[in-house]
């Protein structure tokens, strides 16, 4: 990189939560995670969490190193990790956790440090 190049600082819109979705090949063998990710824009818009102060940012990841019972998603900064995130379970996570603020306990397999682990 040239020493004279001026880097432009990236910009990012404000968000309340960040949903990380593993789309790696070991999480789901038949692309279910990517298909789920592809539907999130529409689902977030329908739930009213695609913009404004309740906005949820979504990002694809490629390995959480917990390769069982995917799709796997993580909600930050809450530190909540979900497994078996079928489309129906994603709808519950959106409705109960991302909109309602109550994690879906029966789908959680781990809670981050702020919860003391699980």
Protein backbone atom coordinates (compact mmCIF):
# COMPACT_ATOMS: atom_id res chain seq x y z
CA UNK A 1 0.00 0.00 0.00
CA UNK A 2 1.29 3.45 -0.84
CA UNK A 3 2.43 5.55 2.12
CA UNK A 4 0.53 8.54 0.73
CA UNK A 5 -2.82 6.77 0.51
CA UNK A 6 -5.45 8.22 2.83
CA UNK A 7 -7.76 5.59 4.22
CA UNK A 8 -11.43 6.40 4.40
CA UNK A 9 -13.01 5.47 7.72
CA UNK A 10 -15.85 2.97 7.20
CA UNK A 11 -19.39 3.98 8.12
CA UNK A 12 -21.99 1.83 9.82
CA UNK A 13 -25.54 2.61 10.85
CA UNK A 14 -26.50 2.35 14.52
CA UNK A 15 -27.98 -0.92 15.70
CA UNK A 16 -29.36 -2.39 18.95
CA UNK A 17 -28.37 -6.03 18.41
CA UNK A 18 -26.15 -7.98 16.06
CA UNK A 19 -27.27 -11.39 14.77
CA UNK A 20 -24.43 -13.64 13.60
CA UNK A 21 -25.46 -16.59 11.42
CA UNK A 22 -23.05 -19.43 10.68
CA UNK A 23 -23.32 -20.40 7.01
CA UNK A 24 -20.29 -22.70 7.04
CA UNK A 25 -20.54 -26.13 5.39
CA UNK A 26 -20.24 -28.01 8.69
CA UNK A 27 -23.12 -26.13 10.31
CA UNK A 28 -25.67 -27.26 7.72
CA UNK A 29 -24.81 -29.56 4.85
CA UNK A 30 -27.54 -28.49 2.43
CA UNK A 31 -27.35 -24.71 2.64
CA UNK A 32 -30.14 -24.25 5.19
CA UNK A 33 -28.17 -21.57 7.04
CA UNK A 34 -27.61 -19.48 3.91
CA UNK A 35 -31.29 -19.85 2.97
CA UNK A 36 -32.23 -18.67 6.47
CA UNK A 37 -29.84 -15.71 6.21
CA UNK A 38 -31.32 -14.76 2.83
CA UNK A 39 -34.81 -14.47 4.39
CA UNK A 40 -33.74 -12.30 7.31
CA UNK A 41 -34.00 -8.97 5.49
CA UNK A 42 -37.69 -9.53 4.78
CA UNK A 43 -38.34 -11.00 8.24
CA UNK A 44 -36.59 -8.07 9.98
CA UNK A 45 -38.56 -5.58 7.90
CA UNK A 46 -41.87 -7.29 8.77
CA UNK A 47 -40.94 -7.23 12.47
CA UNK A 48 -39.88 -3.55 12.35
CA UNK A 49 -36.27 -4.28 13.34
CA UNK A 50 -34.61 -3.36 10.05
CA UNK A 51 -34.11 0.31 10.88
CA UNK A 52 -34.34 2.86 13.65
CA UNK A 53 -33.43 2.38 17.28
CA UNK A 54 -34.49 -1.31 17.31
CA UNK A 55 -32.40 -2.18 14.23
CA UNK A 56 -30.74 -5.60 14.24
CA UNK A 57 -27.60 -5.90 12.13
CA UNK A 58 -27.05 -9.31 10.50
CA UNK A 59 -23.77 -10.88 9.47
CA UNK A 60 -22.78 -14.22 7.97
CA UNK A 61 -19.95 -16.10 9.64
CA UNK A 62 -18.27 -19.29 8.47
CA UNK A 63 -17.47 -21.22 11.64
CA UNK A 64 -18.26 -20.90 15.34
CA UNK A 65 -16.48 -24.23 16.05
CA UNK A 66 -19.69 -25.63 17.56
CA UNK A 67 -20.68 -27.74 14.56
CA UNK A 68 -23.75 -29.60 15.80
CA UNK A 69 -27.49 -29.13 15.35
CA UNK A 70 -27.31 -26.09 13.06
CA UNK A 71 -28.25 -23.62 11.87
CA UNK A 72 -26.48 -21.83 14.70
CA UNK A 73 -26.99 -18.13 15.44
CA UNK A 74 -25.60 -15.78 18.07
CA UNK A 75 -27.25 -12.60 19.34
CA UNK A 76 -24.84 -9.90 20.52
CA UNK A 77 -24.34 -8.00 22.77
CA UNK A 78 -26.67 -10.37 24.64
CA UNK A 79 -24.23 -13.29 24.35
CA UNK A 80 -27.04 -15.72 23.55
CA UNK A 81 -26.30 -18.72 21.29
CA UNK A 82 -29.13 -20.63 19.58
CA UNK A 83 -29.11 -24.02 17.84
CA UNK A 84 -31.60 -25.76 15.53
CA UNK A 85 -32.64 -22.41 14.08
CA UNK A 86 -35.21 -23.60 11.59
CA UNK A 87 -37.34 -20.95 9.91
CA UNK A 88 -40.08 -21.46 12.54
CA UNK A 89 -37.54 -21.16 15.37
CA UNK A 90 -36.06 -18.03 13.76
CA UNK A 91 -39.55 -16.52 13.75
CA UNK A 92 -39.76 -17.23 17.50
CA UNK A 93 -36.31 -15.70 18.10
CA UNK A 94 -37.33 -12.57 16.16
CA UNK A 95 -40.69 -12.24 17.92
CA UNK A 96 -39.66 -13.17 21.47
CA UNK A 97 -36.00 -12.08 21.71
CA UNK A 98 -35.19 -9.46 19.07
CA UNK A 99 -38.55 -7.67 19.37
CA UNK A 100 -39.77 -8.76 22.82
CA UNK A 101 -36.44 -8.76 24.63
CA UNK A 102 -36.91 -12.26 26.11
CA UNK A 103 -34.44 -14.94 24.96
CA UNK A 104 -36.04 -18.21 23.79
CA UNK A 105 -34.69 -20.44 26.56
CA UNK A 106 -35.50 -23.83 25.01
CA UNK A 107 -33.38 -23.03 21.92
CA UNK A 108 -30.31 -21.70 23.78
CA UNK A 109 -27.20 -23.86 24.04
CA UNK A 110 -24.85 -21.29 25.54
CA UNK A 111 -24.88 -17.87 27.21
CA UNK A 112 -21.85 -15.61 27.11
CA UNK A 113 -19.76 -14.23 29.97
CA UNK A 114 -22.27 -11.59 31.05
CA UNK A 115 -24.63 -14.48 31.95
CA UNK A 116 -22.03 -16.61 33.74
CA UNK A 117 -22.00 -19.21 30.91
CA UNK A 118 -24.33 -22.21 30.77
